[in-house]
Each structure stands twice: as structure tokens, then as C-alpha cells.
């Protein structure tokens, strides 16, 4: 069914996902695709008001990591080292 959705409905190339689709041919995961997650379990066990209180790598509302300040800007010299050029659109 997943292969049908990817190929016929979403029009995606399934070649990159062949190993996952092959695994799904054996049946769905035992948890049915709904996993609790360790961070949620820890929030419940600790009685935390928010999952952000216990999550290992929290993100703030704009998607940045407050611990490493990622994503951040890169110096032009660093881009040059990897032969990367930015395009202005």
C-alpha cells in the first residue's frame, strides 16, 4: 500500500526507498507506526510541564537549536573551501 501511495498518488521515485518498502512487505512494525518516544516517556515520568524540559536537543519556535545556535550563517571562505556558491534569486 505504501508503494502504491508513493508511486501512484504522490508520483515519487520509489528506488531510493526500496529497502524500506521491502521491509514493510514483511508486515507493519509491532507498534503499528505509533511509537511513544523516549522524550515523551521521560516527560511523563518526570512530571514535566513540557516535552522541551526533557528533550535532548530542543528547538525553539523558529526551528533553531539554542545550544549550538544552528542553523547559522557560514563565512564565504568556508563555502569556498567546499566549492559551494550561493545563488541570489
PDB file of N, CA and C in Angstrom:
ATOM      1  N   UNK A   1       0.819  -1.177   0.000  1.00  0.00           N
ATOM      2  CA  UNK A   1       0.000   0.000   0.000  1.00  0.00           C
ATOM      3  C   UNK A   1       0.878   1.262   0.000  1.00  0.00           C
ATOM      4  N   UNK A   2       1.963   1.218   0.785  1.00  0.00           N
ATOM      5  CA  UNK A   2       2.859   2.376   0.838  1.00  0.00           C
ATOM      6  C   UNK A   2       3.482   2.636  -0.529  1.00  0.00           C
ATOM      7  N   UNK A   3       3.863   1.570  -1.213  1.00  0.00           N
ATOM      8  CA  UNK A   3       4.431   1.703  -2.551  1.00  0.00           C
ATOM      9  C   UNK A   3       3.404   2.319  -3.502  1.00  0.00           C
ATOM     10  N   UNK A   4       2.157   1.893  -3.396  1.00  0.00           N
ATOM     11  CA  UNK A   4       1.091   2.438  -4.237  1.00  0.00           C
ATOM     12  C   UNK A   4       0.922   3.934  -3.997  1.00  0.00           C
ATOM     13  N   UNK A   5       0.881   4.334  -2.729  1.00  0.00           N
ATOM     14  CA  UNK A   5       0.704   5.752  -2.394  1.00  0.00           C
ATOM     15  C   UNK A   5       1.878   6.568  -2.922  1.00  0.00           C
ATOM     16  N   UNK A   6       3.102   6.088  -2.673  1.00  0.00           N
ATOM     17  CA  UNK A   6       4.278   6.829  -3.124  1.00  0.00           C
ATOM     18  C   UNK A   6       4.327   6.951  -4.641  1.00  0.00           C
ATOM     19  N   UNK A   7       4.109   5.845  -5.323  1.00  0.00           N
ATOM     20  CA  UNK A   7       4.265   5.836  -6.787  1.00  0.00           C
ATOM     21  C   UNK A   7       3.078   6.464  -7.517  1.00  0.00           C
ATOM     22  N   UNK A   8       1.864   6.049  -7.184  1.00  0.00           N
ATOM     23  CA  UNK A   8       0.693   6.453  -7.955  1.00  0.00           C
ATOM     24  C   UNK A   8       0.058   7.762  -7.506  1.00  0.00           C
ATOM     25  N   UNK A   9       0.081   8.027  -6.228  1.00  0.00           N
ATOM     26  CA  UNK A   9      -0.581   9.228  -5.738  1.00  0.00           C
ATOM     27  C   UNK A   9       0.400  10.388  -5.616  1.00  0.00           C
ATOM     28  N   UNK A  10       1.522  10.151  -4.959  1.00  0.00           N
ATOM     29  CA  UNK A  10       2.496  11.224  -4.761  1.00  0.00           C
ATOM     30  C   UNK A  10       3.471  11.374  -5.917  1.00  0.00           C
ATOM     31  N   UNK A  11       3.467  10.402  -6.834  1.00  0.00           N
ATOM     32  CA  UNK A  11       4.336  10.426  -8.016  1.00  0.00           C
ATOM     33  C   UNK A  11       5.804  10.549  -7.624  1.00  0.00           C
ATOM     34  N   UNK A  12       6.209   9.803  -6.609  1.00  0.00           N
ATOM     35  CA  UNK A  12       7.590   9.817  -6.121  1.00  0.00           C
ATOM     36  C   UNK A  12       8.357   8.643  -6.705  1.00  0.00           C
ATOM     37  N   UNK A  13       9.658   8.819  -6.853  1.00  0.00           N
ATOM     38  CA  UNK A  13      10.537   7.744  -7.287  1.00  0.00           C
ATOM     39  C   UNK A  13      10.799   6.841  -6.088  1.00  0.00           C
ATOM     40  N   UNK A  14      10.383   5.599  -6.165  1.00  0.00           N
ATOM     41  CA  UNK A  14      10.490   4.671  -5.036  1.00  0.00           C
ATOM     42  C   UNK A  14      11.845   3.975  -4.964  1.00  0.00           C
ATOM     43  N   UNK A  15      12.736   4.211  -5.921  1.00  0.00           N
ATOM     44  CA  UNK A  15      14.008   3.497  -5.934  1.00  0.00           C
ATOM     45  C   UNK A  15      14.861   3.813  -4.709  1.00  0.00           C
ATOM     46  N   UNK A  16      14.786   5.032  -4.192  1.00  0.00           N
ATOM     47  CA  UNK A  16      15.574   5.399  -3.013  1.00  0.00           C
ATOM     48  C   UNK A  16      15.019   4.763  -1.739  1.00  0.00           C
ATOM     49  N   UNK A  17      13.773   4.339  -1.763  1.00  0.00           N
ATOM     50  CA  UNK A  17      13.119   3.780  -0.578  1.00  0.00           C
ATOM     51  C   UNK A  17      12.886   2.285  -0.688  1.00  0.00           C
ATOM     52  N   UNK A  18      13.526   1.632  -1.656  1.00  0.00           N
ATOM     53  CA  UNK A  18      13.273   0.217  -1.918  1.00  0.00           C
ATOM     54  C   UNK A  18      13.513  -0.640  -0.681  1.00  0.00           C
ATOM     55  N   UNK A  19      14.560  -0.354   0.089  1.00  0.00           N
ATOM     56  CA  UNK A  19      14.868  -1.162   1.264  1.00  0.00           C
ATOM     57  C   UNK A  19      13.781  -1.028   2.334  1.00  0.00           C
ATOM     58  N   UNK A  20      13.211   0.165   2.474  1.00  0.00           N
ATOM     59  CA  UNK A  20      12.141   0.351   3.456  1.00  0.00           C
ATOM     60  C   UNK A  20      10.849  -0.309   3.001  1.00  0.00           C
ATOM     61  N   UNK A  21      10.542  -0.184   1.727  1.00  0.00           N
ATOM     62  CA  UNK A  21       9.332  -0.811   1.196  1.00  0.00           C
ATOM     63  C   UNK A  21       9.434  -2.330   1.274  1.00  0.00           C
ATOM     64  N   UNK A  22      10.640  -2.847   1.072  1.00  0.00           N
ATOM     65  CA  UNK A  22      10.844  -4.296   1.178  1.00  0.00           C
ATOM     66  C   UNK A  22      10.621  -4.755   2.619  1.00  0.00           C
ATOM     67  N   UNK A  23      11.077  -3.970   3.572  1.00  0.00           N
ATOM     68  CA  UNK A  23      10.860  -4.311   4.982  1.00  0.00           C
ATOM     69  C   UNK A  23       9.374  -4.288   5.322  1.00  0.00           C
ATOM     70  N   UNK A  24       8.634  -3.332   4.759  1.00  0.00           N
ATOM     71  CA  UNK A  24       7.197  -3.254   5.025  1.00  0.00           C
ATOM     72  C   UNK A  24       6.430  -4.423   4.418  1.00  0.00           C
ATOM     73  N   UNK A  25       7.021  -5.077   3.403  1.00  0.00           N
ATOM     74  CA  UNK A  25       6.379  -6.266   2.831  1.00  0.00           C
ATOM     75  C   UNK A  25       6.255  -7.387   3.869  1.00  0.00           C
ATOM     76  N   UNK A  26       7.108  -7.341   4.894  1.00  0.00           N
ATOM     77  CA  UNK A  26       7.064  -8.343   5.955  1.00  0.00           C
ATOM     78  C   UNK A  26       5.982  -8.060   6.981  1.00  0.00           C
ATOM     79  N   UNK A  27       5.367  -6.909   6.896  1.00  0.00           N
ATOM     80  CA  UNK A  27       4.324  -6.529   7.839  1.00  0.00           C
ATOM     81  C   UNK A  27       4.648  -5.208   8.503  1.00  0.00           C
ATOM     82  N   UNK A  28       3.663  -4.647   9.154  1.00  0.00           N
ATOM     83  CA  UNK A  28       3.864  -3.349   9.798  1.00  0.00           C
ATOM     84  C   UNK A  28       4.679  -3.528  11.082  1.00  0.00           C
ATOM     85  N   UNK A  29       5.274  -2.437  11.578  1.00  0.00           N
ATOM     86  CA  UNK A  29       6.022  -2.536  12.830  1.00  0.00           C
ATOM     87  C   UNK A  29       5.108  -2.976  13.972  1.00  0.00           C
ATOM     88  N   UNK A  30       5.654  -3.609  15.014  1.00  0.00           N
ATOM     89  CA  UNK A  30       4.820  -4.100  16.114  1.00  0.00           C
ATOM     90  C   UNK A  30       4.031  -3.001  16.811  1.00  0.00           C
ATOM     91  N   UNK A  31       4.550  -1.786  16.790  1.00  0.00           N
ATOM     92  CA  UNK A  31       3.840  -0.688  17.448  1.00  0.00           C
ATOM     93  C   UNK A  31       2.827  -0.035  16.514  1.00  0.00           C
ATOM     94  N   UNK A  32       2.689  -0.568  15.305  1.00  0.00           N
ATOM     95  CA  UNK A  32       1.706  -0.046  14.370  1.00  0.00           C
ATOM     96  C   UNK A  32       2.046   1.327  13.820  1.00  0.00           C
ATOM     97  N   UNK A  33       3.286   1.758  13.994  1.00  0.00           N
ATOM     98  CA  UNK A  33       3.696   3.063  13.494  1.00  0.00           C
ATOM     99  C   UNK A  33       3.472   4.184  14.490  1.00  0.00           C
ATOM    100  N   UNK A  34       2.902   3.859  15.633  1.00  0.00           N
ATOM    101  CA  UNK A  34       2.670   4.879  16.654  1.00  0.00           C
ATOM    102  C   UNK A  34       3.599   4.549  17.818  1.00  0.00           C
ATOM    103  N   UNK A  35       4.754   5.232  17.860  1.00  0.00           N
ATOM    104  CA  UNK A  35       5.731   4.999  18.916  1.00  0.00           C
ATOM    105  C   UNK A  35       5.628   6.126  19.934  1.00  0.00           C
ATOM    106  N   UNK A  36       5.710   5.779  21.198  1.00  0.00           N
ATOM    107  CA  UNK A  36       5.600   6.779  22.255  1.00  0.00           C
ATOM    108  C   UNK A  36       6.769   7.743  22.222  1.00  0.00           C
ATOM    109  N   UNK A  37       7.972   7.252  22.096  1.00  0.00           N
ATOM    110  CA  UNK A  37       9.146   8.099  22.075  1.00  0.00           C
ATOM    111  C   UNK A  37       9.723   8.265  23.469  1.00  0.00           C
ATOM    112  N   UNK A  38      11.026   8.161  23.556  1.00  0.00           N
ATOM    113  CA  UNK A  38      11.703   8.246  24.840  1.00  0.00           C
ATOM    114  C   UNK A  38      11.524   9.611  25.491  1.00  0.00           C
ATOM    115  N   UNK A  39      11.556  10.674  24.690  1.00  0.00           N
ATOM    116  CA  UNK A  39      11.405  12.010  25.265  1.00  0.00           C
ATOM    117  C   UNK A  39      10.025  12.200  25.892  1.00  0.00           C
ATOM    118  N   UNK A  40       9.009  11.684  25.257  1.00  0.00           N
ATOM    119  CA  UNK A  40       7.660  11.786  25.823  1.00  0.00           C
ATOM    120  C   UNK A  40       7.529  10.955  27.094  1.00  0.00           C
ATOM    121  N   UNK A  41       8.115   9.756  27.071  1.00  0.00           N
ATOM    122  CA  UNK A  41       8.090   8.900  28.250  1.00  0.00           C
ATOM    123  C   UNK A  41       8.796   9.579  29.428  1.00  0.00           C
ATOM    124  N   UNK A  42       9.941  10.210  29.166  1.00  0.00           N
ATOM    125  CA  UNK A  42      10.673  10.905  30.223  1.00  0.00           C
ATOM    126  C   UNK A  42       9.867  12.091  30.760  1.00  0.00           C
ATOM    127  N   UNK A  43       9.163  12.804  29.880  1.00  0.00           N
ATOM    128  CA  UNK A  43       8.335  13.928  30.330  1.00  0.00           C
ATOM    129  C   UNK A  43       7.237  13.443  31.266  1.00  0.00           C
ATOM    130  N   UNK A  44       6.646  12.304  30.946  1.00  0.00           N
ATOM    131  CA  UNK A  44       5.594  11.737  31.793  1.00  0.00           C
ATOM    132  C   UNK A  44       6.188  11.293  33.126  1.00  0.00           C
ATOM    133  N   UNK A  45       7.309  10.591  33.079  1.00  0.00           N
ATOM    134  CA  UNK A  45       7.931  10.067  34.302  1.00  0.00           C
ATOM    135  C   UNK A  45       8.428  11.182  35.224  1.00  0.00           C
ATOM    136  N   UNK A  46       8.906  12.285  34.627  1.00  0.00           N
ATOM    137  CA  UNK A  46       9.428  13.402  35.424  1.00  0.00           C
ATOM    138  C   UNK A  46       8.337  14.384  35.821  1.00  0.00           C
ATOM    139  N   UNK A  47       7.151  14.224  35.267  1.00  0.00           N
ATOM    140  CA  UNK A  47       6.071  15.166  35.558  1.00  0.00           C
ATOM    141  C   UNK A  47       6.339  16.541  34.981  1.00  0.00           C
ATOM    142  N   UNK A  48       7.051  16.603  33.864  1.00  0.00           N
ATOM    143  CA  UNK A  48       7.407  17.874  33.240  1.00  0.00           C
ATOM    144  C   UNK A  48       6.178  18.523  32.616  1.00  0.00           C
ATOM    145  N   UNK A  49       6.133  19.843  32.650  1.00  0.00           N
ATOM    146  CA  UNK A  49       5.029  20.579  32.033  1.00  0.00           C
ATOM    147  C   UNK A  49       5.125  20.560  30.519  1.00  0.00           C
ATOM    148  N   UNK A  50       6.336  20.460  29.994  1.00  0.00           N
ATOM    149  CA  UNK A  50       6.549  20.495  28.556  1.00  0.00           C
ATOM    150  C   UNK A  50       7.589  19.457  28.173  1.00  0.00           C
ATOM    151  N   UNK A  51       7.453  18.919  26.984  1.00  0.00           N
ATOM    152  CA  UNK A  51       8.431  17.956  26.484  1.00  0.00           C
ATOM    153  C   UNK A  51       9.785  18.630  26.299  1.00  0.00           C
ATOM    154  N   UNK A  52       9.781  19.947  26.093  1.00  0.00           N
ATOM    155  CA  UNK A  52      11.037  20.681  25.919  1.00  0.00           C
ATOM    156  C   UNK A  52      11.890  20.674  27.182  1.00  0.00           C
ATOM    157  N   UNK A  53      11.284  20.396  28.326  1.00  0.00           N
ATOM    158  CA  UNK A  53      12.043  20.338  29.570  1.00  0.00           C
ATOM    159  C   UNK A  53      12.943  19.116  29.648  1.00  0.00           C
ATOM    160  N   UNK A  54      12.641  18.086  28.887  1.00  0.00           N
ATOM    161  CA  UNK A  54      13.414  16.848  28.964  1.00  0.00           C
ATOM    162  C   UNK A  54      14.037  16.435  27.633  1.00  0.00           C
ATOM    163  N   UNK A  55      13.696  17.080  26.550  1.00  0.00           N
ATOM    164  CA  UNK A  55      14.194  16.658  25.241  1.00  0.00           C
ATOM    165  C   UNK A  55      15.696  16.934  25.133  1.00  0.00           C
ATOM    166  N   UNK A  56      16.405  16.012  24.500  1.00  0.00           N
ATOM    167  CA  UNK A  56      17.869  16.103  24.446  1.00  0.00           C
ATOM    168  C   UNK A  56      18.349  17.290  23.616  1.00  0.00           C
ATOM    169  N   UNK A  57      17.730  17.534  22.481  1.00  0.00           N
ATOM    170  CA  UNK A  57      18.160  18.608  21.596  1.00  0.00           C
ATOM    171  C   UNK A  57      16.954  19.486  21.268  1.00  0.00           C
ATOM    172  N   UNK A  58      16.571  20.372  22.194  1.00  0.00           N
ATOM    173  CA  UNK A  58      15.361  21.164  21.982  1.00  0.00           C
ATOM    174  C   UNK A  58      15.534  22.205  20.874  1.00  0.00           C
ATOM    175  N   UNK A  59      14.455  22.507  20.223  1.00  0.00           N
ATOM    176  CA  UNK A  59      14.421  23.571  19.211  1.00  0.00           C
ATOM    177  C   UNK A  59      13.476  24.645  19.711  1.00  0.00           C
ATOM    178  N   UNK A  60      13.773  25.883  19.373  1.00  0.00           N
ATOM    179  CA  UNK A  60      12.868  26.963  19.735  1.00  0.00           C
ATOM    180  C   UNK A  60      11.866  27.151  18.613  1.00  0.00           C
ATOM    181  N   UNK A  61      10.913  28.036  18.786  1.00  0.00           N
ATOM    182  CA  UNK A  61       9.779  28.133  17.860  1.00  0.00           C
ATOM    183  C   UNK A  61      10.179  28.417  16.422  1.00  0.00           C
ATOM    184  N   UNK A  62      11.309  29.062  16.183  1.00  0.00           N
ATOM    185  CA  UNK A  62      11.698  29.331  14.796  1.00  0.00           C
ATOM    186  C   UNK A  62      12.607  28.243  14.214  1.00  0.00           C
ATOM    187  N   UNK A  63      12.730  27.095  14.905  1.00  0.00           N
ATOM    188  CA  UNK A  63      13.463  25.953  14.375  1.00  0.00           C
ATOM    189  C   UNK A  63      14.949  25.965  14.651  1.00  0.00           C
ATOM    190  N   UNK A  64      15.426  26.884  15.475  1.00  0.00           N
ATOM    191  CA  UNK A  64      16.856  26.943  15.770  1.00  0.00           C
ATOM    192  C   UNK A  64      17.169  26.159  17.044  1.00  0.00           C
ATOM    193  N   UNK A  65      18.398  25.694  17.128  1.00  0.00           N
ATOM    194  CA  UNK A  65      18.875  24.968  18.295  1.00  0.00           C
ATOM    195  C   UNK A  65      19.541  25.964  19.237  1.00  0.00           C
ATOM    196  N   UNK A  66      18.979  26.184  20.431  1.00  0.00           N
ATOM    197  CA  UNK A  66      19.554  27.177  21.325  1.00  0.00           C
ATOM    198  C   UNK A  66      20.917  26.783  21.898  1.00  0.00           C
ATOM    199  N   UNK A  67      21.267  25.501  21.870  1.00  0.00           N
ATOM    200  CA  UNK A  67      22.546  25.061  22.414  1.00  0.00           C
ATOM    201  C   UNK A  67      23.698  25.303  21.449  1.00  0.00           C
ATOM    202  N   UNK A  68      23.475  25.043  20.172  1.00  0.00           N
ATOM    203  CA  UNK A  68      24.545  25.210  19.187  1.00  0.00           C
ATOM    204  C   UNK A  68      24.312  26.390  18.257  1.00  0.00           C
ATOM    205  N   UNK A  69      23.166  27.047  18.395  1.00  0.00           N
ATOM    206  CA  UNK A  69      22.781  28.177  17.541  1.00  0.00           C
ATOM    207  C   UNK A  69      22.699  27.768  16.071  1.00  0.00           C
ATOM    208  N   UNK A  70      22.377  26.509  15.816  1.00  0.00           N
ATOM    209  CA  UNK A  70      22.234  26.027  14.443  1.00  0.00           C
ATOM    210  C   UNK A  70      20.791  26.206  13.984  1.00  0.00           C
ATOM    211  N   UNK A  71      20.522  26.424  12.763  1.00  0.00           N
ATOM    212  CA  UNK A  71      21.491  26.708  11.712  1.00  0.00           C
ATOM    213  C   UNK A  71      21.999  28.135  11.819  1.00  0.00           C
ATOM    214  N   UNK A  72      23.227  28.328  11.435  1.00  0.00           N
ATOM    215  CA  UNK A  72      23.826  29.654  11.498  1.00  0.00           C
ATOM    216  C   UNK A  72      24.431  29.995  10.143  1.00  0.00           C
ATOM    217  N   UNK A  73      24.844  31.231  10.000  1.00  0.00           N
ATOM    218  CA  UNK A  73      25.435  31.647   8.729  1.00  0.00           C
ATOM    219  C   UNK A  73      26.852  31.096   8.604  1.00  0.00           C
ATOM    220  N   UNK A  74      27.319  31.024   7.379  1.00  0.00           N
ATOM    221  CA  UNK A  74      28.633  30.485   7.081  1.00  0.00           C
ATOM    222  C   UNK A  74      29.454  31.573   6.411  1.00  0.00           C
ATOM    223  N   UNK A  75      30.711  31.653   6.775  1.00  0.00           N
ATOM    224  CA  UNK A  75      31.601  32.639   6.158  1.00  0.00           C
ATOM    225  C   UNK A  75      31.874  32.270   4.703  1.00  0.00           C
ATOM    226  N   UNK A  76      32.027  33.265   3.836  1.00  0.00           N
ATOM    227  CA  UNK A  76      32.331  32.969   2.422  1.00  0.00           C
ATOM    228  C   UNK A  76      33.592  32.120   2.246  1.00  0.00           C
ATOM    229  N   UNK A  77      34.576  32.297   3.110  1.00  0.00           N
ATOM    230  CA  UNK A  77      35.803  31.497   2.995  1.00  0.00           C
ATOM    231  C   UNK A  77      35.528  30.012   3.263  1.00  0.00           C
ATOM    232  N   UNK A  78      34.580  29.722   4.167  1.00  0.00           N
ATOM    233  CA  UNK A  78      34.214  28.335   4.436  1.00  0.00           C
ATOM    234  C   UNK A  78      33.498  27.719   3.246  1.00  0.00           C
ATOM    235  N   UNK A  79      32.625  28.480   2.603  1.00  0.00           N
ATOM    236  CA  UNK A  79      31.938  27.994   1.408  1.00  0.00           C
ATOM    237  C   UNK A  79      32.927  27.736   0.288  1.00  0.00           C
ATOM    238  N   UNK A  80      33.890  28.614   0.159  1.00  0.00           N
ATOM    239  CA  UNK A  80      34.898  28.486  -0.893  1.00  0.00           C
ATOM    240  C   UNK A  80      35.696  27.198  -0.716  1.00  0.00           C
ATOM    241  N   UNK A  81      36.008  26.852   0.525  1.00  0.00           N
ATOM    242  CA  UNK A  81      36.769  25.635   0.822  1.00  0.00           C
ATOM    243  C   UNK A  81      36.064  24.394   0.269  1.00  0.00           C
ATOM    244  N   UNK A  82      34.740  24.368   0.315  1.00  0.00           N
ATOM    245  CA  UNK A  82      33.954  23.223  -0.168  1.00  0.00           C
ATOM    246  C   UNK A  82      33.421  23.426  -1.578  1.00  0.00           C
ATOM    247  N   UNK A  83      33.885  24.461  -2.241  1.00  0.00           N
ATOM    248  CA  UNK A  83      33.474  24.770  -3.622  1.00  0.00           C
ATOM    249  C   UNK A  83      31.967  24.936  -3.740  1.00  0.00           C
ATOM    250  N   UNK A  84      31.392  25.676  -2.787  1.00  0.00           N
ATOM    251  CA  UNK A  84      29.957  25.949  -2.775  1.00  0.00           C
ATOM    252  C   UNK A  84      29.734  27.408  -3.110  1.00  0.00           C
ATOM    253  N   UNK A  85      28.823  27.649  -4.029  1.00  0.00           N
ATOM    254  CA  UNK A  85      28.453  29.019  -4.391  1.00  0.00           C
ATOM    255  C   UNK A  85      26.992  29.238  -4.094  1.00  0.00           C
ATOM    256  N   UNK A  86      26.659  30.402  -3.549  1.00  0.00           N
ATOM    257  CA  UNK A  86      25.264  30.753  -3.283  1.00  0.00           C
ATOM    258  C   UNK A  86      24.709  31.548  -4.448  1.00  0.00           C
ATOM    259  N   UNK A  87      23.484  31.259  -4.783  1.00  0.00           N
ATOM    260  CA  UNK A  87      22.807  31.995  -5.849  1.00  0.00           C
ATOM    261  C   UNK A  87      21.809  32.957  -5.231  1.00  0.00           C
ATOM    262  N   UNK A  88      21.743  34.147  -5.759  1.00  0.00           N
ATOM    263  CA  UNK A  88      20.720  35.102  -5.337  1.00  0.00           C
ATOM    264  C   UNK A  88      19.533  34.962  -6.271  1.00  0.00           C
ATOM    265  N   UNK A  89      18.386  34.684  -5.701  1.00  0.00           N
ATOM    266  CA  UNK A  89      17.177  34.509  -6.538  1.00  0.00           C
ATOM    267  C   UNK A  89      16.227  35.654  -6.322  1.00  0.00           C
TER     268      UNK A  89
END
